Amino acid sequence: MTENKKLQGKVAVITGGTTGIGLAAAKLFVKEGAYVFITGRRQKELDAAVKEIGSNVTGVQGDVANLADLDRLYEAVKANGKLDIVFANAGIAEFSPLGKITEDHFDKLFDINVKGTLFTVQKSLPLLKDGGSIILTGSVAGVKGTPAFGVYGATKAALRSFARTWTSDLKDRHIRSNVVSPGPTDTPAIDGQPAEAIARIVSTIPMGRMGKSDEIARAALFLASDDSSFVTGIELFVDGGRGQI
């Protein structure tokens, strides 16, 4: 009996696919039958991720905030012939309290998290099949007032707004747009963040722990697959309850 794979024959783009949630999603999507294109800014990490995923994967080096890099990504996808899923996952998180926010901090977070996500999706549209799935990586920070996390939270709130608008913009093409919003997740992205800030956030999670990349990846798989065929415009929190009580 042939195993029923949720993404059999599908092609997916996953930005920020070299570590953390993006890498976990890439491995899971391939396991479920997809061919994936992953991006990352650093070639060494990209090569290592491609090796770890093992098969049915192409790595394209690039920064989502650089539109020429996105064009190169989609040229590679176009050569493959089709695209079913866009998981705009690339993003960065940094703390900076009000009163000490710099222009560089603001520009860096909005360029990668908001501009990068917008153009990752917009540039995919000529290739993305009608009936396809767009998934954005949001954050519980978009709905919680976490100290010193205001700019980051604002970038993720912007993505939530995009999903609403794109649900309307793309309804005639039956393309679904959804947000998966993790709570604090144990990924390399938290390395270097102040330990007291991380501990303070974890203390607010009802389940009493950080999430795992695989847990977020499984939620992304749901939104990418036909299991969510009547789901669009939502924000799916995978946050241990942090944003819900």
Protein backbone atom coordinates (compact mmCIF):
# COMPACT_ATOMS: atom_id res chain seq x y z
CA MET A 1 0.00 0.00 0.00
CA THR A 2 1.43 3.39 -1.01
CA GLU A 3 1.91 5.86 1.84
CA ASN A 4 -0.41 8.84 1.51
CA LYS A 5 1.82 11.89 1.58
CA LYS A 6 0.22 15.26 2.23
CA LEU A 7 2.33 17.23 -0.28
CA GLN A 8 2.93 14.59 -2.93
CA GLY A 9 4.09 16.23 -6.17
CA LYS A 10 3.97 19.76 -4.75
CA VAL A 11 6.71 22.38 -5.10
CA ALA A 12 7.39 24.75 -2.21
CA VAL A 13 9.54 27.81 -1.60
CA ILE A 14 10.69 28.23 2.01
CA THR A 15 12.64 31.39 2.80
CA GLY A 16 14.95 31.31 5.79
CA GLY A 17 15.21 27.58 5.31
CA THR A 18 18.70 27.00 6.72
CA THR A 19 17.93 26.85 10.45
CA GLY A 20 15.14 26.64 12.98
CA ILE A 21 11.55 26.63 11.81
CA GLY A 22 12.42 26.95 8.11
CA LEU A 23 14.77 23.98 8.14
CA ALA A 24 12.31 21.86 10.14
CA ALA A 25 9.56 22.73 7.66
CA ALA A 26 11.77 21.94 4.66
CA LYS A 27 12.59 18.50 6.04
CA LEU A 28 8.96 17.79 6.85
CA PHE A 29 7.67 19.03 3.49
CA VAL A 30 10.15 16.78 1.66
CA LYS A 31 9.15 13.86 3.86
CA GLU A 32 5.55 14.53 2.85
CA GLY A 33 6.37 14.40 -0.88
CA ALA A 34 7.28 17.98 -1.83
CA TYR A 35 10.23 19.39 -3.72
CA VAL A 36 11.53 22.43 -1.84
CA PHE A 37 13.54 25.51 -2.71
CA ILE A 38 15.15 27.03 0.37
CA THR A 39 16.93 30.34 0.80
CA GLY A 40 19.50 31.62 3.25
CA ARG A 41 21.88 34.55 3.38
CA ARG A 42 25.02 32.55 4.13
CA GLN A 43 26.23 30.00 1.59
CA LYS A 44 27.96 27.76 4.14
CA GLU A 45 24.78 27.34 6.22
CA LEU A 46 22.73 26.92 3.04
CA ASP A 47 24.96 24.12 1.81
CA ALA A 48 24.78 22.41 5.21
CA ALA A 49 20.97 22.63 5.21
CA VAL A 50 20.71 21.18 1.71
CA LYS A 51 22.93 18.30 2.81
CA GLU A 52 20.84 17.74 5.93
CA ILE A 53 17.56 17.72 3.98
CA GLY A 54 19.19 15.24 1.64
CA SER A 55 17.00 15.06 -1.46
CA ASN A 56 14.34 16.92 -3.43
CA VAL A 57 15.84 20.28 -2.44
CA THR A 58 17.55 23.22 -4.12
CA GLY A 59 19.31 25.94 -2.14
CA VAL A 60 19.39 29.48 -3.51
CA GLN A 61 21.60 31.93 -1.64
CA GLY A 62 20.02 35.30 -1.04
CA ASP A 63 18.58 37.94 1.26
CA VAL A 64 14.80 38.41 1.08
CA ALA A 65 15.27 42.16 1.56
CA ASN A 66 17.23 42.25 -1.71
CA LEU A 67 14.80 42.17 -4.63
CA ALA A 68 17.46 41.01 -7.09
CA ASP A 69 18.08 37.99 -4.86
CA LEU A 70 14.36 37.19 -4.93
CA ASP A 71 14.40 37.43 -8.72
CA ARG A 72 17.21 34.85 -8.80
CA LEU A 73 15.20 32.60 -6.51
CA TYR A 74 12.17 32.64 -8.76
CA GLU A 75 14.27 32.16 -11.88
CA ALA A 76 15.43 28.91 -10.31
CA VAL A 77 11.85 27.95 -9.44
CA LYS A 78 10.64 28.86 -12.94
CA ALA A 79 13.17 26.46 -14.43
CA ASN A 80 11.42 23.75 -12.42
CA GLY A 81 8.12 24.65 -14.02
CA LYS A 82 5.61 25.13 -11.21
CA LEU A 83 5.02 26.38 -7.69
CA ASP A 84 2.32 25.34 -5.22
CA ILE A 85 3.38 26.68 -1.81
CA VAL A 86 5.16 29.81 -0.61
CA PHE A 87 6.28 29.74 3.02
CA ALA A 88 7.61 33.27 3.64
CA ASN A 89 9.43 32.39 6.83
CA ALA A 90 12.63 34.46 6.77
CA GLY A 91 12.83 36.97 9.58
CA ILE A 92 14.93 38.30 12.41
CA ALA A 93 14.23 39.24 16.01
CA GLU A 94 16.04 41.83 18.09
CA PHE A 95 15.21 43.57 21.35
CA SER A 96 15.41 47.34 21.78
CA PRO A 97 13.45 49.31 24.39
CA LEU A 98 11.53 52.44 23.54
CA GLY A 99 13.87 55.35 24.06
CA LYS A 100 16.87 53.45 22.69
CA ILE A 101 15.49 52.35 19.30
CA THR A 102 17.84 53.29 16.48
CA GLU A 103 17.04 53.91 12.85
CA ASP A 104 19.26 50.95 11.93
CA HIS A 105 17.28 48.64 14.24
CA PHE A 106 13.99 49.79 12.74
CA ASP A 107 15.16 49.59 9.13
CA LYS A 108 16.78 46.17 9.56
CA LEU A 109 13.67 44.56 11.05
CA PHE A 110 11.19 46.15 8.67
CA ASP A 111 13.38 45.48 5.60
CA ILE A 112 13.69 41.77 6.31
CA ASN A 113 10.45 40.96 8.11
CA VAL A 114 7.97 43.17 6.24
CA LYS A 115 9.49 44.25 2.93
CA GLY A 116 11.13 40.86 2.48
CA THR A 117 7.89 38.99 3.12
CA LEU A 118 5.85 41.28 0.87
CA PHE A 119 8.13 40.87 -2.12
CA THR A 120 8.71 37.16 -1.50
CA VAL A 121 4.99 36.73 -2.01
CA GLN A 122 4.42 39.33 -4.74
CA LYS A 123 7.24 38.00 -6.91
CA SER A 124 5.89 34.45 -6.54
CA LEU A 125 2.48 35.25 -7.98
CA PRO A 126 3.25 34.74 -11.70
CA LEU A 127 4.48 31.22 -10.86
CA LEU A 128 2.15 30.27 -8.01
CA LYS A 129 -0.60 27.95 -9.17
CA ASP A 130 -4.24 28.87 -8.72
CA GLY A 131 -5.36 27.10 -5.59
CA GLY A 132 -1.91 27.45 -4.05
CA SER A 133 -1.03 28.23 -0.44
CA ILE A 134 0.81 31.21 1.04
CA ILE A 135 2.05 30.90 4.62
CA LEU A 136 3.62 33.74 6.57
CA THR A 137 5.61 33.33 9.77
CA GLY A 138 4.10 35.72 12.27
CA SER A 139 4.63 35.73 16.01
CA VAL A 140 2.72 35.89 19.25
CA ALA A 141 4.69 39.13 19.68
CA GLY A 142 2.30 40.67 17.18
CA VAL A 143 -0.50 40.55 19.75
CA LYS A 144 1.42 40.83 23.03
CA GLY A 145 3.08 43.89 24.49
CA THR A 146 6.46 42.39 25.26
CA PRO A 147 8.95 44.86 26.79
CA ALA A 148 11.68 46.03 24.39
CA PHE A 149 10.15 43.99 21.56
CA GLY A 150 8.04 46.74 20.02
CA VAL A 151 9.58 47.04 16.57
CA TYR A 152 9.67 43.27 16.09
CA GLY A 153 6.07 42.96 17.28
CA ALA A 154 5.02 45.67 14.85
CA THR A 155 6.62 43.83 11.92
CA LYS A 156 4.68 40.69 12.78
CA ALA A 157 1.41 42.60 13.19
CA ALA A 158 2.01 43.94 9.68
CA LEU A 159 2.21 40.39 8.34
CA ARG A 160 -1.11 39.56 9.98
CA SER A 161 -2.63 42.48 8.10
CA PHE A 162 -1.07 41.33 4.82
CA ALA A 163 -2.75 37.91 5.14
CA ARG A 164 -6.15 39.53 5.51
CA THR A 165 -5.67 41.75 2.48
CA TRP A 166 -4.15 39.02 0.31
CA THR A 167 -7.06 36.70 1.14
CA SER A 168 -9.25 39.26 -0.61
CA ASP A 169 -6.76 40.13 -3.35
CA LEU A 170 -6.25 36.50 -4.37
CA LYS A 171 -9.70 35.03 -3.82
CA ASP A 172 -10.43 34.79 -7.55
CA ARG A 173 -7.35 32.59 -7.93
CA HIS A 174 -8.37 30.47 -4.90
CA ILE A 175 -4.96 31.10 -3.36
CA ARG A 176 -5.09 30.83 0.41
CA SER A 177 -3.06 33.16 2.66
CA ASN A 178 -2.52 32.28 6.30
CA VAL A 179 -0.19 33.14 9.16
CA VAL A 180 1.43 30.65 11.52
CA SER A 181 2.40 32.50 14.68
CA PRO A 182 4.84 30.76 17.01
CA GLY A 183 5.35 31.58 20.60
CA PRO A 184 8.92 31.63 21.89
CA THR A 185 10.63 28.77 20.08
CA ASP A 186 13.96 27.11 20.78
CA THR A 187 15.82 28.03 17.59
CA PRO A 188 19.22 29.57 16.80
CA ALA A 189 17.40 32.90 16.37
CA ILE A 190 17.26 33.31 20.15
CA ASP A 191 21.01 32.87 20.56
CA GLY A 192 22.53 36.04 21.89
CA GLN A 193 19.27 37.42 23.22
CA PRO A 194 19.38 38.54 26.88
CA ALA A 195 18.81 35.53 29.11
CA GLU A 196 16.61 37.52 31.47
CA ALA A 197 14.39 38.60 28.57
CA ILE A 198 13.97 35.00 27.39
CA ALA A 199 13.25 33.80 30.92
CA ARG A 200 10.66 36.54 31.41
CA ILE A 201 8.86 35.52 28.20
CA VAL A 202 8.93 31.80 29.00
CA SER A 203 7.43 32.54 32.42
CA THR A 204 4.31 33.84 30.64
CA ILE A 205 3.69 30.64 28.62
CA PRO A 206 0.90 28.56 30.16
CA MET A 207 2.54 25.32 28.99
CA GLY A 208 5.70 26.35 30.83
CA ARG A 209 8.22 25.76 28.05
CA MET A 210 9.43 27.02 24.71
CA GLY A 211 8.13 25.55 21.50
CA LYS A 212 10.13 23.29 19.21
CA SER A 213 10.78 23.95 15.54
CA ASP A 214 9.13 20.65 14.60
CA GLU A 215 5.92 21.73 16.33
CA ILE A 216 5.74 24.90 14.25
CA ALA A 217 6.63 22.96 11.09
CA ARG A 218 3.67 20.63 11.59
CA ALA A 219 1.32 23.61 11.78
CA ALA A 220 2.85 24.99 8.57
CA LEU A 221 2.31 21.59 6.94
CA PHE A 222 -1.38 21.78 7.84
CA LEU A 223 -1.67 25.21 6.19
CA ALA A 224 0.31 24.05 3.14
CA SER A 225 -1.74 20.90 2.57
CA ASP A 226 -5.27 20.11 1.46
CA ASP A 227 -6.08 19.42 5.12
CA SER A 228 -6.67 23.18 5.34
CA SER A 229 -8.53 23.54 2.04
CA PHE A 230 -11.26 25.70 3.65
CA VAL A 231 -8.86 27.73 5.80
CA THR A 232 -7.76 31.17 4.64
CA GLY A 233 -7.04 34.53 6.23
CA ILE A 234 -6.34 33.07 9.66
CA GLU A 235 -3.59 33.42 12.23
CA LEU A 236 -2.82 30.01 13.68
CA PHE A 237 -1.06 30.42 17.02
CA VAL A 238 1.40 27.71 18.01
CA ASP A 239 2.40 29.41 21.21
CA GLY A 240 1.76 27.19 24.24
CA GLY A 241 -1.18 29.44 25.05
CA ARG A 242 0.86 32.62 25.53
CA GLY A 243 -1.28 34.82 23.32
CA GLN A 244 -4.58 33.26 24.27
CA ILE A 245 -5.15 34.02 27.95
